[in-house]
Amino acid sequence: MNVADRIQNLRKTKGISQEDLADKIGVSRQAVSKWESEQSLPDIDKVIMLSEFFEVTTDYILKGIETEKQAVKTPLNANIFVGFTTFLNFIGLIISVAIWYQEQVPMAIVAGLILMAFGCMTFGVGLAHSTRNVEKAKRLFWMINIWLLSFIPLSVAYNALFLRMIAPYPRLVQPIIALPVFWLVYIAIGLSVVLVHMRRKRGESSTK
């Protein structure tokens, strides 16, 4: 494995595109592409920036020499936290709906939102400590969790507007058309977020 291979491997392990790496260290995407295709080598100041960004030594980038710490370090996969956070957000939604259905008290909404907030904080902390698939995990998080995170706030706004009360799910109101409009808005918000992240994924793929 040469310098080009090590830079590419470090970048892919971190789950970022050539453009993302270029932005982080202040060079053009073409420069990163040339490094990875063996057309040129990074200047020493860029090697230092690469080592700091990837948390490896300059010796590793230039010569492939690993420290003992690097050799035993297992990269933390950010996708793990996507699954855990999605589970917490889903449970938060189910708990909120179940409590409201039984008791019809505002605490039902508070309980669900607290669990969701805890899930999102867990994801943020996990992301900060992850070194693999970070950008992919961010996209996946929003493409899935936008459907869970937006449901209760939209339902509360809908019920407050038409029923002068709050509930974690939309209830049948007058006029009847209001309920279909709620679902159209909910689906439109979810799909718009999904499409934005799908376009970003395609854009990143075209630069790799």
N, C-alpha and C. Protein backbone atom coordinates (compact mmCIF):
# COMPACT_ATOMS: atom_id res chain seq x y z
N MET A 1 0.85 -1.20 0.00
CA MET A 1 0.00 0.00 0.00
C MET A 1 0.88 1.25 0.00
N ASN A 2 0.67 2.15 -0.97
CA ASN A 2 1.46 3.37 -1.06
C ASN A 2 0.70 4.56 -0.47
N VAL A 3 1.28 5.76 -0.64
CA VAL A 3 0.67 6.97 -0.08
C VAL A 3 -0.74 7.17 -0.62
N ALA A 4 -0.90 7.00 -1.93
CA ALA A 4 -2.21 7.18 -2.56
C ALA A 4 -3.24 6.23 -1.96
N ASP A 5 -2.84 4.99 -1.81
CA ASP A 5 -3.76 3.99 -1.25
C ASP A 5 -4.14 4.31 0.19
N ARG A 6 -3.17 4.77 0.97
CA ARG A 6 -3.44 5.06 2.39
C ARG A 6 -4.39 6.25 2.52
N ILE A 7 -4.18 7.28 1.71
CA ILE A 7 -5.08 8.44 1.77
C ILE A 7 -6.50 8.03 1.38
N GLN A 8 -6.61 7.26 0.31
CA GLN A 8 -7.93 6.81 -0.14
C GLN A 8 -8.60 5.92 0.90
N ASN A 9 -7.83 5.02 1.48
CA ASN A 9 -8.37 4.12 2.49
C ASN A 9 -8.83 4.87 3.73
N LEU A 10 -8.05 5.85 4.16
CA LEU A 10 -8.43 6.66 5.33
C LEU A 10 -9.71 7.45 5.04
N ARG A 11 -9.80 7.99 3.84
CA ARG A 11 -10.99 8.77 3.47
C ARG A 11 -12.23 7.89 3.45
N LYS A 12 -12.12 6.72 2.83
CA LYS A 12 -13.27 5.83 2.74
C LYS A 12 -13.66 5.27 4.10
N THR A 13 -12.66 5.01 4.93
CA THR A 13 -12.95 4.53 6.29
C THR A 13 -13.74 5.57 7.07
N LYS A 14 -13.42 6.84 6.84
CA LYS A 14 -14.14 7.92 7.52
C LYS A 14 -15.50 8.18 6.89
N GLY A 15 -15.73 7.61 5.70
CA GLY A 15 -17.03 7.73 5.05
C GLY A 15 -17.30 9.08 4.42
N ILE A 16 -16.26 9.72 3.88
CA ILE A 16 -16.45 11.03 3.26
C ILE A 16 -15.99 10.99 1.81
N SER A 17 -16.46 11.94 1.02
CA SER A 17 -16.10 12.02 -0.39
C SER A 17 -14.80 12.79 -0.57
N GLN A 18 -14.27 12.77 -1.79
CA GLN A 18 -13.08 13.55 -2.10
C GLN A 18 -13.35 15.04 -1.88
N GLU A 19 -14.54 15.47 -2.23
CA GLU A 19 -14.90 16.89 -2.07
C GLU A 19 -14.94 17.28 -0.59
N ASP A 20 -15.48 16.39 0.24
CA ASP A 20 -15.52 16.67 1.69
C ASP A 20 -14.12 16.78 2.26
N LEU A 21 -13.24 15.85 1.86
CA LEU A 21 -11.87 15.89 2.35
C LEU A 21 -11.16 17.16 1.89
N ALA A 22 -11.39 17.52 0.65
CA ALA A 22 -10.78 18.74 0.11
C ALA A 22 -11.20 19.97 0.91
N ASP A 23 -12.49 20.03 1.27
CA ASP A 23 -12.99 21.17 2.06
C ASP A 23 -12.35 21.20 3.44
N LYS A 24 -12.12 20.02 4.03
CA LYS A 24 -11.58 19.96 5.38
C LYS A 24 -10.14 20.48 5.46
N ILE A 25 -9.37 20.24 4.39
CA ILE A 25 -7.95 20.61 4.46
C ILE A 25 -7.60 21.76 3.54
N GLY A 26 -8.60 22.36 2.89
CA GLY A 26 -8.36 23.57 2.13
C GLY A 26 -7.68 23.39 0.79
N VAL A 27 -8.05 22.33 0.06
CA VAL A 27 -7.52 22.14 -1.29
C VAL A 27 -8.69 21.87 -2.23
N SER A 28 -8.42 21.75 -3.52
CA SER A 28 -9.47 21.44 -4.47
C SER A 28 -9.73 19.93 -4.50
N ARG A 29 -10.91 19.57 -5.00
CA ARG A 29 -11.22 18.15 -5.13
C ARG A 29 -10.26 17.49 -6.11
N GLN A 30 -9.84 18.25 -7.14
CA GLN A 30 -8.91 17.70 -8.13
C GLN A 30 -7.57 17.34 -7.48
N ALA A 31 -7.16 18.13 -6.48
CA ALA A 31 -5.90 17.84 -5.79
C ALA A 31 -5.99 16.50 -5.06
N VAL A 32 -7.12 16.29 -4.36
CA VAL A 32 -7.32 15.01 -3.66
C VAL A 32 -7.35 13.86 -4.66
N SER A 33 -8.02 14.09 -5.77
CA SER A 33 -8.10 13.05 -6.80
C SER A 33 -6.71 12.68 -7.32
N LYS A 34 -5.86 13.68 -7.51
CA LYS A 34 -4.50 13.42 -7.99
C LYS A 34 -3.67 12.66 -6.95
N TRP A 35 -3.88 12.99 -5.67
CA TRP A 35 -3.17 12.26 -4.63
C TRP A 35 -3.55 10.78 -4.66
N GLU A 36 -4.85 10.52 -4.80
CA GLU A 36 -5.33 9.14 -4.73
C GLU A 36 -5.06 8.35 -6.00
N SER A 37 -4.79 9.03 -7.09
CA SER A 37 -4.49 8.34 -8.35
C SER A 37 -2.99 8.34 -8.65
N GLU A 38 -2.19 8.75 -7.67
CA GLU A 38 -0.73 8.74 -7.77
C GLU A 38 -0.18 9.72 -8.81
N GLN A 39 -0.97 10.75 -9.14
CA GLN A 39 -0.48 11.76 -10.08
C GLN A 39 0.38 12.80 -9.38
N SER A 40 0.19 12.94 -8.08
CA SER A 40 1.01 13.88 -7.30
C SER A 40 0.99 13.47 -5.85
N LEU A 41 1.88 14.07 -5.06
CA LEU A 41 1.93 13.84 -3.62
C LEU A 41 1.57 15.12 -2.87
N PRO A 42 0.91 15.02 -1.74
CA PRO A 42 0.59 16.23 -0.96
C PRO A 42 1.84 16.88 -0.40
N ASP A 43 1.83 18.21 -0.32
CA ASP A 43 2.93 18.93 0.32
C ASP A 43 2.98 18.54 1.79
N ILE A 44 4.10 18.82 2.43
CA ILE A 44 4.29 18.41 3.82
C ILE A 44 3.27 19.04 4.75
N ASP A 45 2.87 20.30 4.47
CA ASP A 45 1.87 20.93 5.34
C ASP A 45 0.51 20.24 5.19
N LYS A 46 0.23 19.75 3.98
CA LYS A 46 -1.03 19.04 3.77
C LYS A 46 -0.97 17.64 4.39
N VAL A 47 0.22 17.05 4.39
CA VAL A 47 0.38 15.75 5.05
C VAL A 47 0.09 15.89 6.55
N ILE A 48 0.57 16.98 7.13
CA ILE A 48 0.32 17.24 8.56
C ILE A 48 -1.18 17.42 8.81
N MET A 49 -1.85 18.17 7.93
CA MET A 49 -3.28 18.39 8.08
C MET A 49 -4.05 17.08 7.91
N LEU A 50 -3.61 16.25 6.96
CA LEU A 50 -4.24 14.95 6.76
C LEU A 50 -4.08 14.07 8.00
N SER A 51 -2.88 14.09 8.58
CA SER A 51 -2.63 13.26 9.76
C SER A 51 -3.48 13.71 10.94
N GLU A 52 -3.66 15.02 11.08
CA GLU A 52 -4.49 15.54 12.17
C GLU A 52 -5.96 15.21 11.94
N PHE A 53 -6.39 15.34 10.70
CA PHE A 53 -7.80 15.08 10.39
C PHE A 53 -8.15 13.61 10.57
N PHE A 54 -7.27 12.73 10.11
CA PHE A 54 -7.53 11.30 10.19
C PHE A 54 -7.05 10.68 11.50
N GLU A 55 -6.39 11.50 12.33
CA GLU A 55 -5.88 11.04 13.64
C GLU A 55 -4.89 9.89 13.49
N VAL A 56 -3.97 10.07 12.55
CA VAL A 56 -2.87 9.13 12.36
C VAL A 56 -1.57 9.94 12.34
N THR A 57 -0.44 9.25 12.32
CA THR A 57 0.84 9.96 12.26
C THR A 57 1.20 10.27 10.82
N THR A 58 2.07 11.26 10.65
CA THR A 58 2.56 11.57 9.30
C THR A 58 3.38 10.39 8.76
N ASP A 59 4.05 9.66 9.66
CA ASP A 59 4.80 8.47 9.24
C ASP A 59 3.88 7.42 8.62
N TYR A 60 2.67 7.33 9.15
CA TYR A 60 1.75 6.34 8.59
C TYR A 60 1.35 6.74 7.17
N ILE A 61 1.04 8.04 6.97
CA ILE A 61 0.64 8.48 5.64
C ILE A 61 1.78 8.33 4.64
N LEU A 62 2.99 8.72 5.03
CA LEU A 62 4.12 8.71 4.11
C LEU A 62 4.77 7.34 3.97
N LYS A 63 4.85 6.58 5.06
CA LYS A 63 5.61 5.33 5.03
C LYS A 63 4.78 4.10 5.41
N GLY A 64 3.57 4.32 5.93
CA GLY A 64 2.76 3.18 6.33
C GLY A 64 3.13 2.62 7.68
N ILE A 65 3.89 3.39 8.48
CA ILE A 65 4.32 2.93 9.79
C ILE A 65 3.24 3.23 10.81
N GLU A 66 2.67 2.20 11.40
CA GLU A 66 1.62 2.36 12.39
C GLU A 66 2.20 2.39 13.79
N THR A 67 1.64 3.27 14.62
CA THR A 67 1.99 3.22 16.04
C THR A 67 1.23 2.08 16.69
N GLU A 68 1.62 1.70 17.88
CA GLU A 68 0.93 0.62 18.58
C GLU A 68 -0.52 0.99 18.83
N LYS A 69 -0.77 2.26 19.10
CA LYS A 69 -2.14 2.72 19.36
C LYS A 69 -3.00 2.56 18.12
N GLN A 70 -2.43 2.92 16.95
CA GLN A 70 -3.17 2.78 15.71
C GLN A 70 -3.46 1.33 15.39
N ALA A 71 -2.49 0.48 15.63
CA ALA A 71 -2.62 -0.92 15.25
C ALA A 71 -3.77 -1.60 15.98
N VAL A 72 -4.03 -1.21 17.24
CA VAL A 72 -5.08 -1.86 18.01
C VAL A 72 -6.39 -1.09 17.98
N LYS A 73 -6.37 0.09 17.40
CA LYS A 73 -7.58 0.91 17.38
C LYS A 73 -8.58 0.39 16.36
N THR A 74 -9.81 0.12 16.78
CA THR A 74 -10.86 -0.34 15.88
C THR A 74 -11.75 0.85 15.52
N PRO A 75 -11.88 1.16 14.23
CA PRO A 75 -12.71 2.29 13.83
C PRO A 75 -14.17 2.08 14.26
N LEU A 76 -14.78 3.10 14.82
CA LEU A 76 -16.17 3.02 15.27
C LEU A 76 -17.10 3.38 14.13
N ASN A 77 -18.02 2.49 13.81
CA ASN A 77 -18.93 2.68 12.68
C ASN A 77 -20.13 3.50 13.11
N ALA A 78 -20.31 4.66 12.47
CA ALA A 78 -21.41 5.57 12.84
C ALA A 78 -22.77 4.98 12.55
N ASN A 79 -22.87 4.02 11.64
CA ASN A 79 -24.16 3.43 11.30
C ASN A 79 -24.79 2.71 12.48
N ILE A 80 -23.97 2.26 13.43
CA ILE A 80 -24.50 1.62 14.63
C ILE A 80 -25.44 2.56 15.37
N PHE A 81 -25.05 3.83 15.44
CA PHE A 81 -25.84 4.81 16.20
C PHE A 81 -27.11 5.21 15.45
N VAL A 82 -27.11 5.07 14.13
CA VAL A 82 -28.33 5.32 13.37
C VAL A 82 -29.41 4.33 13.79
N GLY A 83 -29.03 3.05 13.86
CA GLY A 83 -29.99 2.02 14.25
C GLY A 83 -30.50 2.21 15.67
N PHE A 84 -29.59 2.51 16.60
CA PHE A 84 -29.99 2.68 18.00
C PHE A 84 -30.90 3.90 18.17
N THR A 85 -30.55 5.00 17.51
CA THR A 85 -31.36 6.22 17.62
C THR A 85 -32.72 6.03 16.98
N THR A 86 -32.77 5.38 15.83
CA THR A 86 -34.05 5.11 15.17
C THR A 86 -34.96 4.29 16.08
N PHE A 87 -34.38 3.30 16.76
CA PHE A 87 -35.15 2.47 17.69
C PHE A 87 -35.73 3.33 18.81
N LEU A 88 -34.92 4.21 19.40
CA LEU A 88 -35.40 5.07 20.49
C LEU A 88 -36.49 6.02 20.00
N ASN A 89 -36.30 6.59 18.82
CA ASN A 89 -37.31 7.51 18.28
C ASN A 89 -38.63 6.79 18.00
N PHE A 90 -38.53 5.58 17.49
CA PHE A 90 -39.74 4.79 17.23
C PHE A 90 -40.46 4.46 18.52
N ILE A 91 -39.70 4.03 19.53
CA ILE A 91 -40.30 3.71 20.83
C ILE A 91 -40.93 4.97 21.45
N GLY A 92 -40.25 6.12 21.29
CA GLY A 92 -40.81 7.37 21.81
C GLY A 92 -42.15 7.70 21.18
N LEU A 93 -42.26 7.50 19.88
CA LEU A 93 -43.53 7.76 19.18
C LEU A 93 -44.61 6.80 19.66
N ILE A 94 -44.28 5.51 19.77
CA ILE A 94 -45.26 4.52 20.19
C ILE A 94 -45.73 4.79 21.62
N ILE A 95 -44.80 5.10 22.51
CA ILE A 95 -45.15 5.39 23.91
C ILE A 95 -46.07 6.60 24.00
N SER A 96 -45.73 7.64 23.24
CA SER A 96 -46.54 8.87 23.25
C SER A 96 -47.97 8.59 22.81
N VAL A 97 -48.11 7.85 21.71
CA VAL A 97 -49.45 7.53 21.18
C VAL A 97 -50.20 6.63 22.16
N ALA A 98 -49.51 5.63 22.73
CA ALA A 98 -50.16 4.69 23.64
C ALA A 98 -50.66 5.38 24.91
N ILE A 99 -49.82 6.23 25.49
CA ILE A 99 -50.23 6.93 26.72
C ILE A 99 -51.39 7.87 26.45
N TRP A 100 -51.31 8.58 25.32
CA TRP A 100 -52.41 9.50 25.00
C TRP A 100 -53.72 8.74 24.77
N TYR A 101 -53.63 7.63 24.09
CA TYR A 101 -54.83 6.84 23.80
C TYR A 101 -55.50 6.38 25.08
N GLN A 102 -54.69 6.05 26.10
CA GLN A 102 -55.24 5.56 27.36
C GLN A 102 -55.63 6.68 28.32
N GLU A 103 -54.78 7.70 28.42
CA GLU A 103 -54.96 8.71 29.47
C GLU A 103 -55.36 10.09 28.95
N GLN A 104 -54.96 10.40 27.71
CA GLN A 104 -55.21 11.71 27.11
C GLN A 104 -54.71 12.85 28.00
N VAL A 105 -53.42 12.77 28.34
CA VAL A 105 -52.78 13.80 29.14
C VAL A 105 -51.57 14.35 28.38
N PRO A 106 -51.26 15.64 28.57
CA PRO A 106 -50.12 16.24 27.85
C PRO A 106 -48.79 15.53 28.13
N MET A 107 -48.68 14.86 29.29
CA MET A 107 -47.45 14.16 29.63
C MET A 107 -47.11 13.09 28.59
N ALA A 108 -48.12 12.62 27.86
CA ALA A 108 -47.88 11.62 26.82
C ALA A 108 -46.95 12.19 25.75
N ILE A 109 -47.19 13.42 25.37
CA ILE A 109 -46.37 14.08 24.36
C ILE A 109 -44.99 14.36 24.92
N VAL A 110 -44.94 14.84 26.16
CA VAL A 110 -43.66 15.15 26.80
C VAL A 110 -42.79 13.89 26.88
N ALA A 111 -43.38 12.78 27.27
CA ALA A 111 -42.63 11.53 27.41
C ALA A 111 -42.03 11.10 26.08
N GLY A 112 -42.84 11.18 25.03
CA GLY A 112 -42.35 10.79 23.71
C GLY A 112 -41.23 11.68 23.22
N LEU A 113 -41.40 12.98 23.40
CA LEU A 113 -40.38 13.93 22.93
C LEU A 113 -39.08 13.82 23.72
N ILE A 114 -39.19 13.54 25.01
CA ILE A 114 -37.98 13.37 25.83
C ILE A 114 -37.18 12.17 25.35
N LEU A 115 -37.87 11.07 25.05
CA LEU A 115 -37.18 9.87 24.57
C LEU A 115 -36.54 10.13 23.20
N MET A 116 -37.24 10.86 22.35
CA MET A 116 -36.69 11.20 21.04
C MET A 116 -35.48 12.12 21.17
N ALA A 117 -35.57 13.08 22.09
CA ALA A 117 -34.44 13.99 22.31
C ALA A 117 -33.22 13.21 22.80
N PHE A 118 -33.46 12.25 23.69
CA PHE A 118 -32.36 11.41 24.18
C PHE A 118 -31.75 10.61 23.03
N GLY A 119 -32.60 10.09 22.17
CA GLY A 119 -32.11 9.35 21.01
C GLY A 119 -31.25 10.20 20.10
N CYS A 120 -31.69 11.42 19.83
CA CYS A 120 -30.93 12.32 18.95
C CYS A 120 -29.61 12.74 19.59
N MET A 121 -29.61 12.97 20.90
CA MET A 121 -28.36 13.30 21.59
C MET A 121 -27.38 12.14 21.55
N THR A 122 -27.91 10.93 21.70
CA THR A 122 -27.07 9.73 21.60
C THR A 122 -26.43 9.65 20.23
N PHE A 123 -27.20 9.95 19.20
CA PHE A 123 -26.67 9.92 17.84
C PHE A 123 -25.58 10.97 17.67
N GLY A 124 -25.81 12.16 18.19
CA GLY A 124 -24.81 13.22 18.08
C GLY A 124 -23.50 12.87 18.77
N VAL A 125 -23.61 12.32 19.97
CA VAL A 125 -22.40 11.91 20.71
C VAL A 125 -21.70 10.78 19.98
N GLY A 126 -22.47 9.80 19.52
CA GLY A 126 -21.88 8.69 18.79
C GLY A 126 -21.19 9.13 17.52
N LEU A 127 -21.80 10.08 16.83
CA LEU A 127 -21.22 10.59 15.58
C LEU A 127 -19.88 11.27 15.84
N ALA A 128 -19.82 12.00 16.95
CA ALA A 128 -18.58 12.72 17.29
C ALA A 128 -17.42 11.78 17.58
N HIS A 129 -17.73 10.54 17.98
CA HIS A 129 -16.68 9.59 18.32
C HIS A 129 -16.48 8.52 17.24
N SER A 130 -17.21 8.63 16.15
CA SER A 130 -17.10 7.65 15.08
C SER A 130 -16.06 8.08 14.05
N THR A 131 -15.45 7.09 13.41
CA THR A 131 -14.47 7.37 12.36
C THR A 131 -14.83 6.69 11.04
N ARG A 132 -15.88 5.89 11.04
CA ARG A 132 -16.30 5.20 9.82
C ARG A 132 -17.71 5.60 9.43
N ASN A 133 -17.92 5.85 8.13
CA ASN A 133 -19.25 6.08 7.55
C ASN A 133 -19.99 7.24 8.20
N VAL A 134 -19.28 8.29 8.56
CA VAL A 134 -19.91 9.42 9.25
C VAL A 134 -20.93 10.13 8.36
N GLU A 135 -20.52 10.50 7.15
CA GLU A 135 -21.42 11.21 6.24
C GLU A 135 -22.59 10.32 5.83
N LYS A 136 -22.31 9.06 5.57
CA LYS A 136 -23.37 8.11 5.21
C LYS A 136 -24.38 7.99 6.35
N ALA A 137 -23.89 7.95 7.57
CA ALA A 137 -24.77 7.83 8.74
C ALA A 137 -25.67 9.06 8.88
N LYS A 138 -25.12 10.25 8.61
CA LYS A 138 -25.94 11.46 8.69
C LYS A 138 -27.09 11.40 7.68
N ARG A 139 -26.77 10.99 6.45
CA ARG A 139 -27.82 10.89 5.43
C ARG A 139 -28.87 9.87 5.84
N LEU A 140 -28.42 8.71 6.27
CA LEU A 140 -29.33 7.63 6.64
C LEU A 140 -30.20 8.04 7.81
N PHE A 141 -29.61 8.75 8.78
CA PHE A 141 -30.36 9.20 9.95
C PHE A 141 -31.54 10.06 9.53
N TRP A 142 -31.29 11.06 8.68
CA TRP A 142 -32.37 11.97 8.29
C TRP A 142 -33.37 11.33 7.35
N MET A 143 -32.92 10.46 6.46
CA MET A 143 -33.83 9.81 5.53
C MET A 143 -34.83 8.91 6.25
N ILE A 144 -34.43 8.34 7.38
CA ILE A 144 -35.33 7.48 8.16
C ILE A 144 -36.07 8.26 9.23
N ASN A 145 -35.34 9.04 10.00
CA ASN A 145 -35.91 9.64 11.22
C ASN A 145 -36.74 10.88 10.98
N ILE A 146 -36.67 11.46 9.79
CA ILE A 146 -37.56 12.60 9.51
C ILE A 146 -39.02 12.17 9.66
N TRP A 147 -39.32 10.92 9.32
CA TRP A 147 -40.70 10.41 9.43
C TRP A 147 -41.12 10.28 10.89
N LEU A 148 -40.20 9.95 11.76
CA LEU A 148 -40.52 9.79 13.18
C LEU A 148 -40.51 11.11 13.92
N LEU A 149 -39.49 11.93 13.64
CA LEU A 149 -39.32 13.18 14.39
C LEU A 149 -40.36 14.24 14.05
N SER A 150 -40.88 14.21 12.81
CA SER A 150 -41.83 15.25 12.40
C SER A 150 -43.28 14.91 12.76
N PHE A 151 -43.56 13.66 13.09
CA PHE A 151 -44.95 13.24 13.25
C PHE A 151 -45.64 13.91 14.44
N ILE A 152 -45.01 13.86 15.61
CA ILE A 152 -45.65 14.45 16.80
C ILE A 152 -45.80 15.96 16.69
N PRO A 153 -44.74 16.72 16.32
CA PRO A 153 -44.92 18.17 16.20
C PRO A 153 -46.01 18.57 15.20
N LEU A 154 -46.06 17.87 14.05
CA LEU A 154 -47.11 18.18 13.07
C LEU A 154 -48.49 17.84 13.62
N SER A 155 -48.59 16.73 14.34
CA SER A 155 -49.87 16.33 14.92
C SER A 155 -50.34 17.32 15.98
N VAL A 156 -49.40 17.77 16.81
CA VAL A 156 -49.74 18.76 17.84
C VAL A 156 -50.25 20.04 17.20
N ALA A 157 -49.56 20.52 16.17
CA ALA A 157 -49.98 21.74 15.48
C ALA A 157 -51.35 21.56 14.84
N TYR A 158 -51.55 20.42 14.20
CA TYR A 158 -52.83 20.12 13.53
C TYR A 158 -53.98 20.10 14.52
N ASN A 159 -53.82 19.38 15.63
CA ASN A 159 -54.90 19.27 16.62
C ASN A 159 -55.14 20.59 17.35
N ALA A 160 -54.06 21.33 17.59
CA ALA A 160 -54.22 22.63 18.24
C ALA A 160 -54.99 23.59 17.34
N LEU A 161 -54.75 23.51 16.04
CA LEU A 161 -55.41 24.41 15.10
C LEU A 161 -56.89 24.10 14.94
N PHE A 162 -57.23 22.82 14.82
CA PHE A 162 -58.60 22.46 14.50
C PHE A 162 -59.44 22.03 15.71
N LEU A 163 -58.79 21.55 16.78
CA LEU A 163 -59.54 21.05 17.93
C LEU A 163 -59.30 21.86 19.20
N ARG A 164 -58.37 22.81 19.14
CA ARG A 164 -57.98 23.59 20.32
C ARG A 164 -57.49 22.67 21.45
N MET A 165 -56.81 21.61 21.07
CA MET A 165 -56.24 20.68 22.02
C MET A 165 -54.98 20.08 21.37
N ILE A 166 -54.18 19.38 22.17
CA ILE A 166 -52.98 18.77 21.61
C ILE A 166 -53.09 17.25 21.72
N ALA A 167 -52.51 16.57 20.75
CA ALA A 167 -52.46 15.11 20.75
C ALA A 167 -51.30 14.69 19.86
N PRO A 168 -50.68 13.53 20.11
CA PRO A 168 -49.50 13.12 19.35
C PRO A 168 -49.82 12.47 18.01
N TYR A 169 -51.09 12.38 17.66
CA TYR A 169 -51.48 11.84 16.35
C TYR A 169 -52.69 12.63 15.84
N PRO A 170 -52.89 12.72 14.54
CA PRO A 170 -53.99 13.53 14.00
C PRO A 170 -55.35 12.87 14.25
N ARG A 171 -56.29 13.66 14.68
CA ARG A 171 -57.64 13.15 14.94
C ARG A 171 -58.60 13.66 13.88
N LEU A 172 -59.71 12.97 13.75
CA LEU A 172 -60.70 13.35 12.76
C LEU A 172 -61.36 14.66 13.17
N VAL A 173 -61.36 15.64 12.26
CA VAL A 173 -61.91 16.96 12.58
C VAL A 173 -62.79 17.43 11.44
N GLN A 174 -63.42 18.53 11.67
CA GLN A 174 -64.16 19.24 10.62
C GLN A 174 -63.38 20.48 10.22
N PRO A 175 -63.22 20.75 8.95
CA PRO A 175 -63.75 19.99 7.81
C PRO A 175 -62.97 18.69 7.58
N ILE A 176 -63.62 17.73 6.96
CA ILE A 176 -63.04 16.42 6.73
C ILE A 176 -61.74 16.51 5.93
N ILE A 177 -61.67 17.51 5.04
CA ILE A 177 -60.50 17.64 4.17
C ILE A 177 -59.22 17.91 4.96
N ALA A 178 -59.37 18.37 6.21
CA ALA A 178 -58.18 18.72 7.01
C ALA A 178 -57.27 17.52 7.22
N LEU A 179 -57.86 16.34 7.46
CA LEU A 179 -57.04 15.15 7.73
C LEU A 179 -56.20 14.74 6.51
N PRO A 180 -56.80 14.66 5.31
CA PRO A 180 -55.98 14.36 4.13
C PRO A 180 -54.88 15.40 3.90
N VAL A 181 -55.18 16.67 4.20
CA VAL A 181 -54.17 17.72 4.04
C VAL A 181 -53.00 17.48 5.00
N PHE A 182 -53.33 17.06 6.24
CA PHE A 182 -52.26 16.74 7.20
C PHE A 182 -51.33 15.70 6.62
N TRP A 183 -51.89 14.61 6.10
CA TRP A 183 -51.05 13.53 5.57
C TRP A 183 -50.26 13.97 4.35
N LEU A 184 -50.84 14.82 3.53
CA LEU A 184 -50.11 15.33 2.37
C LEU A 184 -48.91 16.16 2.80
N VAL A 185 -49.11 17.02 3.82
CA VAL A 185 -48.01 17.85 4.33
C VAL A 185 -46.94 16.97 4.96
N TYR A 186 -47.36 15.99 5.74
CA TYR A 186 -46.42 15.07 6.41
C TYR A 186 -45.58 14.32 5.38
N ILE A 187 -46.24 13.77 4.37
CA ILE A 187 -45.52 13.02 3.33
C ILE A 187 -44.62 13.94 2.52
N ALA A 188 -45.08 15.16 2.23
CA ALA A 188 -44.27 16.11 1.46
C ALA A 188 -42.99 16.47 2.20
N ILE A 189 -43.09 16.70 3.51
CA ILE A 189 -41.90 17.03 4.31
C ILE A 189 -40.92 15.85 4.31
N GLY A 190 -41.45 14.65 4.57
CA GLY A 190 -40.59 13.47 4.59
C GLY A 190 -39.90 13.22 3.26
N LEU A 191 -40.68 13.27 2.17
CA LEU A 191 -40.10 13.01 0.85
C LEU A 191 -39.09 14.07 0.44
N SER A 192 -39.35 15.32 0.81
CA SER A 192 -38.41 16.40 0.44
C SER A 192 -37.05 16.18 1.09
N VAL A 193 -37.06 15.77 2.37
CA VAL A 193 -35.79 15.50 3.06
C VAL A 193 -35.09 14.29 2.45
N VAL A 194 -35.84 13.24 2.14
CA VAL A 194 -35.26 12.05 1.52
C VAL A 194 -34.64 12.39 0.18
N LEU A 195 -35.35 13.17 -0.65
CA LEU A 195 -34.86 13.51 -1.98
C LEU A 195 -33.61 14.38 -1.91
N VAL A 196 -33.57 15.31 -0.95
CA VAL A 196 -32.37 16.15 -0.78
C VAL A 196 -31.15 15.30 -0.49
N HIS A 197 -31.30 14.33 0.40
CA HIS A 197 -30.16 13.50 0.77
C HIS A 197 -29.80 12.49 -0.32
N MET A 198 -30.79 12.07 -1.11
CA MET A 198 -30.49 11.19 -2.24
C MET A 198 -29.69 11.95 -3.30
N ARG A 199 -30.04 13.22 -3.52
CA ARG A 199 -29.28 14.03 -4.48
C ARG A 199 -27.86 14.26 -4.00
N ARG A 200 -27.70 14.49 -2.70
CA ARG A 200 -26.36 14.66 -2.14
C ARG A 200 -25.53 13.39 -2.30
N LYS A 201 -26.18 12.25 -2.10
CA LYS A 201 -25.47 10.98 -2.25
C LYS A 201 -25.01 10.79 -3.68
N ARG A 202 -25.87 11.10 -4.65
CA ARG A 202 -25.48 10.98 -6.05
C ARG A 202 -24.36 11.94 -6.40
N GLY A 203 -24.43 13.16 -5.82
CA GLY A 203 -23.38 14.14 -6.06
C GLY A 203 -22.04 13.69 -5.53
N GLU A 204 -22.05 13.09 -4.33
CA GLU A 204 -20.81 12.59 -3.74
C GLU A 204 -20.27 11.40 -4.52
N SER A 205 -21.17 10.55 -5.01
CA SER A 205 -20.74 9.38 -5.78
C SER A 205 -20.06 9.80 -7.07
N SER A 206 -20.53 10.90 -7.66
CA SER A 206 -19.95 11.34 -8.93
C SER A 206 -18.57 11.94 -8.76
N THR A 207 -18.21 12.30 -7.49
CA THR A 207 -16.89 12.89 -7.26
C THR A 207 -15.87 11.89 -6.77
N LYS A 208 -16.32 10.63 -6.56
CA LYS A 208 -15.39 9.62 -6.05
C LYS A 208 -14.63 8.97 -7.19
